[in-house]
Amino acid sequence: MINSLIVSIFGAFFSVIVCLLAAYYFYKSKSFFSKIILNVIIISFLFPSEAKVIFNFIIIKNLGIMDNLISLFLPFVSNLFTLLLFIQAMKFYSSDIDDFTEIEGFNIFQKIFLIQIPMLKNYFLTAFITNFLSLWNDFLWPLIVIQTEQKYTVQIGVNYISKALIFEPSYFSAAITISLIVPITLFIIFQKYFN
């Protein structure tokens, strides 16, 4: 569970930050080049994630981070849902806010971290929770990348228990219940922001 928590928290956080910065670029840039880049990104995400497993595996192997917890979230830092969520959220807010912050002398990071994130708090939390749950429930990618038993995530652990204790359904049920504690706790903590 600790491995899954580390991967899910860091992966969700980096995914939200990277997608927020990219969304701000696409929101501010009106050039034809940025529209082409955005369309290429959207087209690349039309392929299912299973079709990109071999490509991701080759990149992770060449980077030399196989059997490392970083390799579990690095291919998923860029997320189309999160990117489009932030682009759409920024369109709801007036460009006057950007003009006022530029007059006040804010740089781009001050505008993003002091103005945009507090304004987009609910979107930020939605993106974080979605990415967190996606990484928490991922089974295929950790199964391919992780070889050391001490670095297994929750889903691999549940699968391991189900195969090792096939005649003990009570242990399997207990493992599934324990794996649900974190997502349910996350929902309880953050539900007040979505009323």
N, C-alpha and C. Protein backbone atom coordinates (compact mmCIF):
# COMPACT_ATOMS: atom_id res chain seq x y z
N MET A 1 0.83 -1.20 0.00
CA MET A 1 0.00 0.00 0.00
C MET A 1 0.86 1.25 0.00
N ILE A 2 2.02 1.19 0.67
CA ILE A 2 2.91 2.35 0.69
C ILE A 2 3.43 2.64 -0.71
N ASN A 3 3.79 1.59 -1.45
CA ASN A 3 4.25 1.78 -2.83
C ASN A 3 3.16 2.42 -3.68
N SER A 4 1.94 1.94 -3.55
CA SER A 4 0.83 2.51 -4.32
C SER A 4 0.56 3.96 -3.92
N LEU A 5 0.66 4.27 -2.63
CA LEU A 5 0.47 5.65 -2.18
C LEU A 5 1.53 6.57 -2.75
N ILE A 6 2.79 6.14 -2.72
CA ILE A 6 3.88 6.96 -3.27
C ILE A 6 3.66 7.21 -4.75
N VAL A 7 3.38 6.15 -5.49
CA VAL A 7 3.19 6.27 -6.95
C VAL A 7 1.97 7.14 -7.25
N SER A 8 0.87 6.92 -6.57
CA SER A 8 -0.37 7.64 -6.86
C SER A 8 -0.27 9.12 -6.49
N ILE A 9 0.31 9.43 -5.34
CA ILE A 9 0.39 10.83 -4.91
C ILE A 9 1.35 11.61 -5.80
N PHE A 10 2.57 11.10 -5.96
CA PHE A 10 3.55 11.82 -6.79
C PHE A 10 3.12 11.87 -8.24
N GLY A 11 2.60 10.76 -8.77
CA GLY A 11 2.15 10.73 -10.16
C GLY A 11 1.01 11.70 -10.42
N ALA A 12 0.03 11.71 -9.52
CA ALA A 12 -1.11 12.62 -9.70
C ALA A 12 -0.67 14.08 -9.58
N PHE A 13 0.22 14.37 -8.63
CA PHE A 13 0.69 15.74 -8.44
C PHE A 13 1.45 16.23 -9.68
N PHE A 14 2.41 15.43 -10.16
CA PHE A 14 3.18 15.85 -11.33
C PHE A 14 2.32 15.94 -12.57
N SER A 15 1.35 15.04 -12.70
CA SER A 15 0.45 15.10 -13.85
C SER A 15 -0.37 16.38 -13.84
N VAL A 16 -0.87 16.75 -12.67
CA VAL A 16 -1.68 17.97 -12.58
C VAL A 16 -0.82 19.21 -12.87
N ILE A 17 0.40 19.25 -12.35
CA ILE A 17 1.26 20.42 -12.58
C ILE A 17 1.65 20.53 -14.05
N VAL A 18 2.08 19.42 -14.65
CA VAL A 18 2.49 19.44 -16.06
C VAL A 18 1.32 19.82 -16.96
N CYS A 19 0.16 19.23 -16.72
CA CYS A 19 -1.01 19.54 -17.55
C CYS A 19 -1.51 20.96 -17.32
N LEU A 20 -1.38 21.48 -16.10
CA LEU A 20 -1.77 22.86 -15.83
C LEU A 20 -0.87 23.85 -16.59
N LEU A 21 0.43 23.59 -16.57
CA LEU A 21 1.35 24.46 -17.31
C LEU A 21 1.11 24.38 -18.81
N ALA A 22 0.88 23.17 -19.32
CA ALA A 22 0.60 23.00 -20.74
C ALA A 22 -0.72 23.67 -21.12
N ALA A 23 -1.73 23.52 -20.27
CA ALA A 23 -3.03 24.14 -20.54
C ALA A 23 -2.93 25.66 -20.55
N TYR A 24 -2.11 26.20 -19.66
CA TYR A 24 -1.93 27.66 -19.64
C TYR A 24 -1.27 28.13 -20.94
N TYR A 25 -0.32 27.34 -21.43
CA TYR A 25 0.32 27.70 -22.72
C TYR A 25 -0.71 27.68 -23.85
N PHE A 26 -1.51 26.61 -23.92
CA PHE A 26 -2.50 26.51 -25.00
C PHE A 26 -3.60 27.55 -24.84
N TYR A 27 -3.89 27.95 -23.62
CA TYR A 27 -4.90 28.99 -23.37
C TYR A 27 -4.39 30.36 -23.82
N LYS A 28 -3.13 30.65 -23.51
CA LYS A 28 -2.58 31.97 -23.83
C LYS A 28 -2.15 32.09 -25.29
N SER A 29 -1.64 31.01 -25.87
CA SER A 29 -1.10 31.07 -27.22
C SER A 29 -2.23 30.96 -28.24
N LYS A 30 -2.25 31.88 -29.15
CA LYS A 30 -3.26 31.87 -30.21
C LYS A 30 -2.64 31.54 -31.57
N SER A 31 -1.42 31.06 -31.56
CA SER A 31 -0.72 30.81 -32.82
C SER A 31 -1.23 29.53 -33.48
N PHE A 32 -0.99 29.45 -34.77
CA PHE A 32 -1.38 28.28 -35.54
C PHE A 32 -0.55 27.07 -35.11
N PHE A 33 0.69 27.30 -34.74
CA PHE A 33 1.60 26.23 -34.31
C PHE A 33 1.08 25.55 -33.04
N SER A 34 0.58 26.33 -32.09
CA SER A 34 0.06 25.74 -30.85
C SER A 34 -1.20 24.91 -31.10
N LYS A 35 -2.01 25.34 -32.07
CA LYS A 35 -3.20 24.55 -32.41
C LYS A 35 -2.82 23.21 -33.04
N ILE A 36 -1.76 23.23 -33.85
CA ILE A 36 -1.28 21.98 -34.46
C ILE A 36 -0.76 21.04 -33.37
N ILE A 37 0.01 21.59 -32.42
CA ILE A 37 0.55 20.76 -31.33
C ILE A 37 -0.60 20.16 -30.52
N LEU A 38 -1.61 20.95 -30.20
CA LEU A 38 -2.74 20.44 -29.42
C LEU A 38 -3.48 19.34 -30.17
N ASN A 39 -3.67 19.52 -31.48
CA ASN A 39 -4.34 18.49 -32.27
C ASN A 39 -3.52 17.21 -32.34
N VAL A 40 -2.20 17.34 -32.45
CA VAL A 40 -1.34 16.15 -32.46
C VAL A 40 -1.43 15.42 -31.12
N ILE A 41 -1.45 16.18 -30.03
CA ILE A 41 -1.58 15.57 -28.69
C ILE A 41 -2.92 14.84 -28.57
N ILE A 42 -3.98 15.46 -29.04
CA ILE A 42 -5.31 14.82 -28.97
C ILE A 42 -5.34 13.55 -29.81
N ILE A 43 -4.78 13.60 -31.01
CA ILE A 43 -4.76 12.42 -31.88
C ILE A 43 -3.93 11.29 -31.26
N SER A 44 -2.81 11.65 -30.61
CA SER A 44 -1.97 10.61 -30.00
C SER A 44 -2.68 9.88 -28.87
N PHE A 45 -3.63 10.55 -28.22
CA PHE A 45 -4.36 9.91 -27.12
C PHE A 45 -5.59 9.15 -27.59
N LEU A 46 -5.85 9.16 -28.90
CA LEU A 46 -6.96 8.36 -29.41
C LEU A 46 -6.63 6.88 -29.39
N PHE A 47 -5.34 6.55 -29.42
CA PHE A 47 -4.93 5.15 -29.35
C PHE A 47 -5.08 4.67 -27.91
N PRO A 48 -5.54 3.45 -27.72
CA PRO A 48 -5.69 2.94 -26.34
C PRO A 48 -4.34 2.81 -25.66
N SER A 49 -4.35 2.90 -24.34
CA SER A 49 -3.10 2.85 -23.59
C SER A 49 -2.38 1.52 -23.75
N GLU A 50 -3.13 0.44 -24.00
CA GLU A 50 -2.52 -0.87 -24.20
C GLU A 50 -1.67 -0.90 -25.47
N ALA A 51 -2.05 -0.08 -26.47
CA ALA A 51 -1.29 -0.04 -27.73
C ALA A 51 0.04 0.67 -27.55
N LYS A 52 0.15 1.49 -26.49
CA LYS A 52 1.39 2.24 -26.26
C LYS A 52 2.31 1.58 -25.23
N VAL A 53 1.95 0.39 -24.77
CA VAL A 53 2.73 -0.28 -23.73
C VAL A 53 4.14 -0.59 -24.20
N ILE A 54 4.28 -1.12 -25.42
CA ILE A 54 5.61 -1.49 -25.92
C ILE A 54 6.49 -0.26 -26.07
N PHE A 55 5.91 0.81 -26.62
CA PHE A 55 6.66 2.06 -26.78
C PHE A 55 7.11 2.60 -25.42
N ASN A 56 6.20 2.61 -24.45
CA ASN A 56 6.55 3.08 -23.10
C ASN A 56 7.60 2.19 -22.45
N PHE A 57 7.47 0.88 -22.67
CA PHE A 57 8.43 -0.07 -22.09
C PHE A 57 9.84 0.18 -22.65
N ILE A 58 9.95 0.41 -23.95
CA ILE A 58 11.26 0.67 -24.57
C ILE A 58 11.87 1.94 -24.00
N ILE A 59 11.05 2.99 -23.83
CA ILE A 59 11.57 4.26 -23.29
C ILE A 59 12.04 4.08 -21.85
N ILE A 60 11.24 3.40 -21.02
CA ILE A 60 11.61 3.18 -19.62
C ILE A 60 12.87 2.34 -19.52
N LYS A 61 13.00 1.33 -20.38
CA LYS A 61 14.19 0.49 -20.37
C LYS A 61 15.42 1.27 -20.78
N ASN A 62 15.29 2.12 -21.81
CA ASN A 62 16.43 2.94 -22.26
C ASN A 62 16.83 3.99 -21.23
N LEU A 63 15.87 4.47 -20.45
CA LEU A 63 16.18 5.42 -19.38
C LEU A 63 16.85 4.74 -18.18
N GLY A 64 16.77 3.42 -18.12
CA GLY A 64 17.40 2.67 -17.04
C GLY A 64 16.65 2.74 -15.72
N ILE A 65 15.35 2.90 -15.78
CA ILE A 65 14.57 3.00 -14.53
C ILE A 65 13.56 1.86 -14.41
N MET A 66 13.89 0.72 -15.02
CA MET A 66 13.05 -0.47 -14.83
C MET A 66 13.09 -0.88 -13.36
N ASP A 67 12.03 -1.46 -12.88
CA ASP A 67 11.90 -1.91 -11.51
C ASP A 67 12.12 -0.76 -10.52
N ASN A 68 11.60 0.41 -10.90
CA ASN A 68 11.70 1.60 -10.07
C ASN A 68 10.29 2.20 -9.97
N LEU A 69 9.96 2.76 -8.82
CA LEU A 69 8.61 3.33 -8.65
C LEU A 69 8.35 4.51 -9.57
N ILE A 70 9.41 5.22 -9.97
CA ILE A 70 9.23 6.36 -10.89
C ILE A 70 8.68 5.89 -12.23
N SER A 71 9.09 4.71 -12.65
CA SER A 71 8.65 4.19 -13.96
C SER A 71 7.15 3.88 -13.97
N LEU A 72 6.52 3.81 -12.80
CA LEU A 72 5.09 3.50 -12.75
C LEU A 72 4.22 4.69 -13.11
N PHE A 73 4.71 5.92 -12.86
CA PHE A 73 3.88 7.08 -13.19
C PHE A 73 4.47 7.97 -14.28
N LEU A 74 5.73 7.80 -14.63
CA LEU A 74 6.36 8.68 -15.61
C LEU A 74 5.66 8.68 -16.98
N PRO A 75 5.27 7.51 -17.53
CA PRO A 75 4.59 7.55 -18.84
C PRO A 75 3.21 8.19 -18.81
N PHE A 76 2.65 8.37 -17.60
CA PHE A 76 1.28 8.87 -17.50
C PHE A 76 1.21 10.29 -16.94
N VAL A 77 2.35 10.98 -16.94
CA VAL A 77 2.36 12.37 -16.43
C VAL A 77 1.53 13.26 -17.34
N SER A 78 1.63 13.07 -18.64
CA SER A 78 0.77 13.84 -19.54
C SER A 78 -0.54 13.07 -19.72
N ASN A 79 -1.63 13.74 -19.44
CA ASN A 79 -2.94 13.10 -19.43
C ASN A 79 -3.91 13.99 -20.20
N LEU A 80 -4.52 13.45 -21.23
CA LEU A 80 -5.38 14.25 -22.09
C LEU A 80 -6.59 14.79 -21.34
N PHE A 81 -7.21 13.96 -20.50
CA PHE A 81 -8.38 14.42 -19.74
C PHE A 81 -8.03 15.63 -18.88
N THR A 82 -6.89 15.55 -18.18
CA THR A 82 -6.47 16.65 -17.30
C THR A 82 -6.15 17.89 -18.11
N LEU A 83 -5.46 17.71 -19.23
CA LEU A 83 -5.10 18.85 -20.08
C LEU A 83 -6.35 19.56 -20.60
N LEU A 84 -7.28 18.81 -21.14
CA LEU A 84 -8.51 19.43 -21.68
C LEU A 84 -9.38 20.02 -20.57
N LEU A 85 -9.36 19.39 -19.39
CA LEU A 85 -10.11 19.94 -18.25
C LEU A 85 -9.59 21.33 -17.89
N PHE A 86 -8.27 21.49 -17.83
CA PHE A 86 -7.70 22.78 -17.47
C PHE A 86 -7.86 23.81 -18.59
N ILE A 87 -7.73 23.39 -19.84
CA ILE A 87 -7.94 24.33 -20.95
C ILE A 87 -9.36 24.86 -20.92
N GLN A 88 -10.33 23.96 -20.72
CA GLN A 88 -11.72 24.38 -20.66
C GLN A 88 -11.99 25.25 -19.45
N ALA A 89 -11.37 24.93 -18.32
CA ALA A 89 -11.59 25.72 -17.10
C ALA A 89 -11.05 27.12 -17.26
N MET A 90 -9.89 27.26 -17.91
CA MET A 90 -9.30 28.59 -18.09
C MET A 90 -10.12 29.45 -19.04
N LYS A 91 -10.86 28.82 -19.95
CA LYS A 91 -11.69 29.59 -20.87
C LYS A 91 -12.88 30.23 -20.16
N PHE A 92 -13.28 29.69 -19.00
CA PHE A 92 -14.40 30.25 -18.25
C PHE A 92 -14.03 31.56 -17.56
N TYR A 93 -12.75 31.79 -17.35
CA TYR A 93 -12.32 32.96 -16.62
C TYR A 93 -11.90 34.06 -17.59
N SER A 94 -12.18 35.28 -17.21
CA SER A 94 -11.93 36.41 -18.08
C SER A 94 -10.44 36.64 -18.27
N SER A 95 -10.07 37.10 -19.46
CA SER A 95 -8.66 37.43 -19.72
C SER A 95 -8.27 38.71 -19.00
N ASP A 96 -9.26 39.44 -18.44
CA ASP A 96 -8.94 40.65 -17.67
C ASP A 96 -8.07 40.33 -16.46
N ILE A 97 -8.26 39.14 -15.89
CA ILE A 97 -7.45 38.75 -14.74
C ILE A 97 -5.98 38.68 -15.14
N ASP A 98 -5.71 38.11 -16.31
CA ASP A 98 -4.33 38.06 -16.81
C ASP A 98 -3.79 39.46 -17.05
N ASP A 99 -4.63 40.33 -17.58
CA ASP A 99 -4.18 41.70 -17.83
C ASP A 99 -3.84 42.42 -16.52
N PHE A 100 -4.68 42.26 -15.51
CA PHE A 100 -4.42 42.91 -14.22
C PHE A 100 -3.13 42.39 -13.58
N THR A 101 -2.93 41.07 -13.65
CA THR A 101 -1.71 40.51 -13.06
C THR A 101 -0.46 40.94 -13.80
N GLU A 102 -0.57 41.12 -15.12
CA GLU A 102 0.58 41.60 -15.88
C GLU A 102 0.90 43.06 -15.53
N ILE A 103 -0.15 43.87 -15.30
CA ILE A 103 0.06 45.26 -14.89
C ILE A 103 0.74 45.31 -13.52
N GLU A 104 0.36 44.37 -12.64
CA GLU A 104 0.95 44.32 -11.30
C GLU A 104 2.37 43.75 -11.31
N GLY A 105 2.82 43.25 -12.45
CA GLY A 105 4.19 42.76 -12.56
C GLY A 105 4.38 41.30 -12.19
N PHE A 106 3.30 40.53 -12.21
CA PHE A 106 3.42 39.09 -11.92
C PHE A 106 4.12 38.39 -13.07
N ASN A 107 5.01 37.44 -12.74
CA ASN A 107 5.57 36.62 -13.81
C ASN A 107 4.64 35.43 -14.04
N ILE A 108 4.99 34.56 -14.98
CA ILE A 108 4.08 33.48 -15.38
C ILE A 108 3.83 32.50 -14.24
N PHE A 109 4.86 32.21 -13.44
CA PHE A 109 4.68 31.25 -12.35
C PHE A 109 3.86 31.85 -11.21
N GLN A 110 4.02 33.14 -10.96
CA GLN A 110 3.18 33.80 -9.96
C GLN A 110 1.72 33.80 -10.41
N LYS A 111 1.50 34.03 -11.69
CA LYS A 111 0.12 34.02 -12.20
C LYS A 111 -0.50 32.63 -12.07
N ILE A 112 0.30 31.61 -12.37
CA ILE A 112 -0.25 30.25 -12.31
C ILE A 112 -0.46 29.80 -10.87
N PHE A 113 0.58 29.98 -10.02
CA PHE A 113 0.52 29.40 -8.68
C PHE A 113 -0.20 30.29 -7.66
N LEU A 114 -0.26 31.59 -7.91
CA LEU A 114 -0.94 32.48 -6.96
C LEU A 114 -2.35 32.87 -7.39
N ILE A 115 -2.62 32.80 -8.70
CA ILE A 115 -3.93 33.22 -9.20
C ILE A 115 -4.72 32.04 -9.75
N GLN A 116 -4.13 31.30 -10.71
CA GLN A 116 -4.87 30.26 -11.40
C GLN A 116 -5.24 29.08 -10.49
N ILE A 117 -4.26 28.59 -9.71
CA ILE A 117 -4.55 27.41 -8.86
C ILE A 117 -5.62 27.72 -7.81
N PRO A 118 -5.56 28.85 -7.09
CA PRO A 118 -6.68 29.14 -6.16
C PRO A 118 -8.02 29.29 -6.87
N MET A 119 -8.03 29.88 -8.08
CA MET A 119 -9.28 30.03 -8.81
C MET A 119 -9.81 28.70 -9.32
N LEU A 120 -8.89 27.82 -9.71
CA LEU A 120 -9.27 26.53 -10.30
C LEU A 120 -9.16 25.40 -9.27
N LYS A 121 -9.40 25.71 -8.01
CA LYS A 121 -9.19 24.73 -6.94
C LYS A 121 -10.02 23.47 -7.15
N ASN A 122 -11.29 23.62 -7.51
CA ASN A 122 -12.13 22.44 -7.70
C ASN A 122 -11.68 21.61 -8.90
N TYR A 123 -11.26 22.29 -9.97
CA TYR A 123 -10.73 21.57 -11.13
C TYR A 123 -9.43 20.86 -10.78
N PHE A 124 -8.61 21.54 -10.00
CA PHE A 124 -7.33 20.99 -9.56
C PHE A 124 -7.57 19.71 -8.75
N LEU A 125 -8.50 19.76 -7.81
CA LEU A 125 -8.81 18.59 -6.99
C LEU A 125 -9.42 17.46 -7.82
N THR A 126 -10.29 17.81 -8.76
CA THR A 126 -10.89 16.80 -9.64
C THR A 126 -9.82 16.08 -10.44
N ALA A 127 -8.89 16.85 -11.03
CA ALA A 127 -7.82 16.25 -11.82
C ALA A 127 -6.91 15.40 -10.94
N PHE A 128 -6.61 15.88 -9.74
CA PHE A 128 -5.74 15.13 -8.84
C PHE A 128 -6.38 13.80 -8.45
N ILE A 129 -7.66 13.83 -8.06
CA ILE A 129 -8.34 12.61 -7.63
C ILE A 129 -8.47 11.62 -8.79
N THR A 130 -8.80 12.13 -9.98
CA THR A 130 -8.92 11.25 -11.14
C THR A 130 -7.60 10.56 -11.47
N ASN A 131 -6.50 11.34 -11.47
CA ASN A 131 -5.19 10.75 -11.75
C ASN A 131 -4.76 9.81 -10.63
N PHE A 132 -5.06 10.19 -9.39
CA PHE A 132 -4.72 9.34 -8.24
C PHE A 132 -5.39 7.97 -8.37
N LEU A 133 -6.70 7.97 -8.63
CA LEU A 133 -7.44 6.71 -8.73
C LEU A 133 -6.99 5.90 -9.94
N SER A 134 -6.64 6.57 -11.03
CA SER A 134 -6.16 5.86 -12.21
C SER A 134 -4.85 5.13 -11.92
N LEU A 135 -3.93 5.81 -11.23
CA LEU A 135 -2.67 5.17 -10.87
C LEU A 135 -2.86 4.12 -9.78
N TRP A 136 -3.76 4.36 -8.86
CA TRP A 136 -4.01 3.41 -7.77
C TRP A 136 -4.57 2.09 -8.33
N ASN A 137 -5.44 2.18 -9.32
CA ASN A 137 -6.11 0.99 -9.87
C ASN A 137 -5.36 0.35 -11.03
N ASP A 138 -4.23 0.92 -11.45
CA ASP A 138 -3.50 0.39 -12.60
C ASP A 138 -2.92 -0.99 -12.27
N PHE A 139 -3.12 -1.92 -13.17
CA PHE A 139 -2.63 -3.28 -12.95
C PHE A 139 -1.62 -3.71 -14.01
N LEU A 140 -1.92 -3.42 -15.28
CA LEU A 140 -1.10 -3.94 -16.38
C LEU A 140 0.31 -3.37 -16.36
N TRP A 141 0.43 -2.04 -16.27
CA TRP A 141 1.75 -1.41 -16.35
C TRP A 141 2.67 -1.80 -15.19
N PRO A 142 2.21 -1.77 -13.94
CA PRO A 142 3.09 -2.23 -12.85
C PRO A 142 3.49 -3.70 -12.99
N LEU A 143 2.58 -4.51 -13.52
CA LEU A 143 2.89 -5.92 -13.71
C LEU A 143 4.03 -6.11 -14.71
N ILE A 144 4.11 -5.23 -15.72
CA ILE A 144 5.16 -5.33 -16.74
C ILE A 144 6.48 -4.76 -16.23
N VAL A 145 6.44 -3.65 -15.52
CA VAL A 145 7.66 -2.90 -15.19
C VAL A 145 8.32 -3.40 -13.90
N ILE A 146 7.54 -3.77 -12.90
CA ILE A 146 8.10 -4.10 -11.58
C ILE A 146 8.37 -5.61 -11.49
N GLN A 147 9.61 -5.94 -11.11
CA GLN A 147 9.98 -7.35 -10.93
C GLN A 147 10.22 -7.71 -9.45
N THR A 148 10.58 -6.72 -8.64
CA THR A 148 10.88 -6.97 -7.22
C THR A 148 9.58 -7.03 -6.43
N GLU A 149 9.47 -8.06 -5.60
CA GLU A 149 8.23 -8.25 -4.84
C GLU A 149 7.99 -7.13 -3.84
N GLN A 150 9.06 -6.52 -3.30
CA GLN A 150 8.91 -5.44 -2.33
C GLN A 150 8.37 -4.15 -2.96
N LYS A 151 8.40 -4.05 -4.28
CA LYS A 151 7.92 -2.84 -4.97
C LYS A 151 6.55 -3.04 -5.62
N TYR A 152 5.89 -4.15 -5.33
CA TYR A 152 4.56 -4.39 -5.89
C TYR A 152 3.58 -3.34 -5.40
N THR A 153 2.63 -3.03 -6.25
CA THR A 153 1.54 -2.12 -5.87
C THR A 153 0.37 -2.93 -5.34
N VAL A 154 -0.67 -2.24 -4.91
CA VAL A 154 -1.82 -2.90 -4.29
C VAL A 154 -2.48 -3.89 -5.25
N GLN A 155 -2.69 -3.48 -6.49
CA GLN A 155 -3.42 -4.34 -7.43
C GLN A 155 -2.64 -5.61 -7.74
N ILE A 156 -1.32 -5.50 -7.86
CA ILE A 156 -0.50 -6.70 -8.07
C ILE A 156 -0.54 -7.56 -6.81
N GLY A 157 -0.51 -6.93 -5.65
CA GLY A 157 -0.58 -7.67 -4.40
C GLY A 157 -1.88 -8.43 -4.25
N VAL A 158 -2.99 -7.81 -4.61
CA VAL A 158 -4.30 -8.49 -4.55
C VAL A 158 -4.31 -9.67 -5.51
N ASN A 159 -3.76 -9.48 -6.71
CA ASN A 159 -3.68 -10.57 -7.68
C ASN A 159 -2.80 -11.70 -7.15
N TYR A 160 -1.69 -11.33 -6.54
CA TYR A 160 -0.76 -12.32 -5.96
C TYR A 160 -1.45 -13.12 -4.86
N ILE A 161 -2.21 -12.43 -3.99
CA ILE A 161 -2.92 -13.10 -2.90
C ILE A 161 -4.01 -14.02 -3.46
N SER A 162 -4.70 -13.55 -4.51
CA SER A 162 -5.79 -14.37 -5.07
C SER A 162 -5.26 -15.67 -5.68
N LYS A 163 -4.03 -15.62 -6.22
CA LYS A 163 -3.45 -16.84 -6.79
C LYS A 163 -2.82 -17.72 -5.73
N ALA A 164 -2.19 -17.10 -4.73
CA ALA A 164 -1.51 -17.88 -3.69
C ALA A 164 -2.50 -18.51 -2.72
N LEU A 165 -3.59 -17.82 -2.45
CA LEU A 165 -4.55 -18.31 -1.46
C LEU A 165 -5.89 -18.59 -2.13
N ILE A 166 -5.84 -19.39 -3.18
CA ILE A 166 -7.04 -19.63 -3.98
C ILE A 166 -8.14 -20.34 -3.18
N PHE A 167 -7.75 -21.09 -2.14
CA PHE A 167 -8.74 -21.81 -1.34
C PHE A 167 -9.11 -21.05 -0.07
N GLU A 168 -8.66 -19.79 0.03
CA GLU A 168 -8.97 -18.97 1.21
C GLU A 168 -9.66 -17.68 0.78
N PRO A 169 -10.94 -17.73 0.45
CA PRO A 169 -11.63 -16.52 -0.04
C PRO A 169 -11.71 -15.41 1.00
N SER A 170 -11.62 -15.74 2.28
CA SER A 170 -11.70 -14.70 3.30
C SER A 170 -10.47 -13.78 3.26
N TYR A 171 -9.28 -14.35 2.99
CA TYR A 171 -8.07 -13.54 2.86
C TYR A 171 -8.14 -12.65 1.63
N PHE A 172 -8.66 -13.20 0.55
CA PHE A 172 -8.81 -12.43 -0.69
C PHE A 172 -9.78 -11.26 -0.48
N SER A 173 -10.89 -11.54 0.21
CA SER A 173 -11.86 -10.47 0.50
C SER A 173 -11.25 -9.41 1.40
N ALA A 174 -10.44 -9.83 2.37
CA ALA A 174 -9.76 -8.87 3.25
C ALA A 174 -8.79 -7.99 2.47
N ALA A 175 -8.07 -8.59 1.52
CA ALA A 175 -7.12 -7.82 0.70
C ALA A 175 -7.84 -6.79 -0.15
N ILE A 176 -8.96 -7.16 -0.73
CA ILE A 176 -9.74 -6.21 -1.54
C ILE A 176 -10.29 -5.09 -0.66
N THR A 177 -10.77 -5.43 0.51
CA THR A 177 -11.30 -4.41 1.44
C THR A 177 -10.21 -3.43 1.84
N ILE A 178 -9.02 -3.93 2.14
CA ILE A 178 -7.91 -3.04 2.51
C ILE A 178 -7.52 -2.14 1.34
N SER A 179 -7.57 -2.68 0.12
CA SER A 179 -7.21 -1.86 -1.05
C SER A 179 -8.23 -0.76 -1.32
N LEU A 180 -9.45 -0.91 -0.78
CA LEU A 180 -10.49 0.11 -0.98
C LEU A 180 -10.46 1.21 0.07
N ILE A 181 -9.69 1.04 1.13
CA ILE A 181 -9.67 2.01 2.23
C ILE A 181 -9.21 3.38 1.74
N VAL A 182 -8.12 3.42 0.98
CA VAL A 182 -7.56 4.71 0.53
C VAL A 182 -8.51 5.45 -0.41
N PRO A 183 -9.05 4.82 -1.48
CA PRO A 183 -10.00 5.58 -2.33
C PRO A 183 -11.23 6.07 -1.58
N ILE A 184 -11.76 5.28 -0.68
CA ILE A 184 -12.95 5.71 0.08
C ILE A 184 -12.60 6.87 1.00
N THR A 185 -11.44 6.79 1.66
CA THR A 185 -10.99 7.88 2.53
C THR A 185 -10.80 9.16 1.73
N LEU A 186 -10.20 9.03 0.54
CA LEU A 186 -10.00 10.18 -0.33
C LEU A 186 -11.33 10.82 -0.71
N PHE A 187 -12.31 10.00 -1.01
CA PHE A 187 -13.64 10.52 -1.35
C PHE A 187 -14.27 11.25 -0.17
N ILE A 188 -14.17 10.68 1.01
CA ILE A 188 -14.77 11.29 2.21
C ILE A 188 -14.12 12.63 2.52
N ILE A 189 -12.79 12.70 2.39
CA ILE A 189 -12.06 13.94 2.72
C ILE A 189 -12.42 15.06 1.77
N PHE A 190 -12.50 14.75 0.48
CA PHE A 190 -12.64 15.81 -0.53
C PHE A 190 -14.06 16.03 -1.03
N GLN A 191 -15.05 15.31 -0.52
CA GLN A 191 -16.39 15.48 -1.04
C GLN A 191 -16.98 16.86 -0.71
N LYS A 192 -16.49 17.51 0.32
CA LYS A 192 -17.02 18.83 0.69
C LYS A 192 -16.72 19.88 -0.39
N TYR A 193 -15.70 19.64 -1.23
CA TYR A 193 -15.37 20.59 -2.27
C TYR A 193 -16.25 20.47 -3.49
N PHE A 194 -17.09 19.43 -3.56
CA PHE A 194 -17.89 19.19 -4.75
C PHE A 194 -19.38 19.32 -4.49
N ASN A 195 -19.75 20.06 -3.47
CA ASN A 195 -21.17 20.29 -3.19
C ASN A 195 -21.72 21.41 -4.05
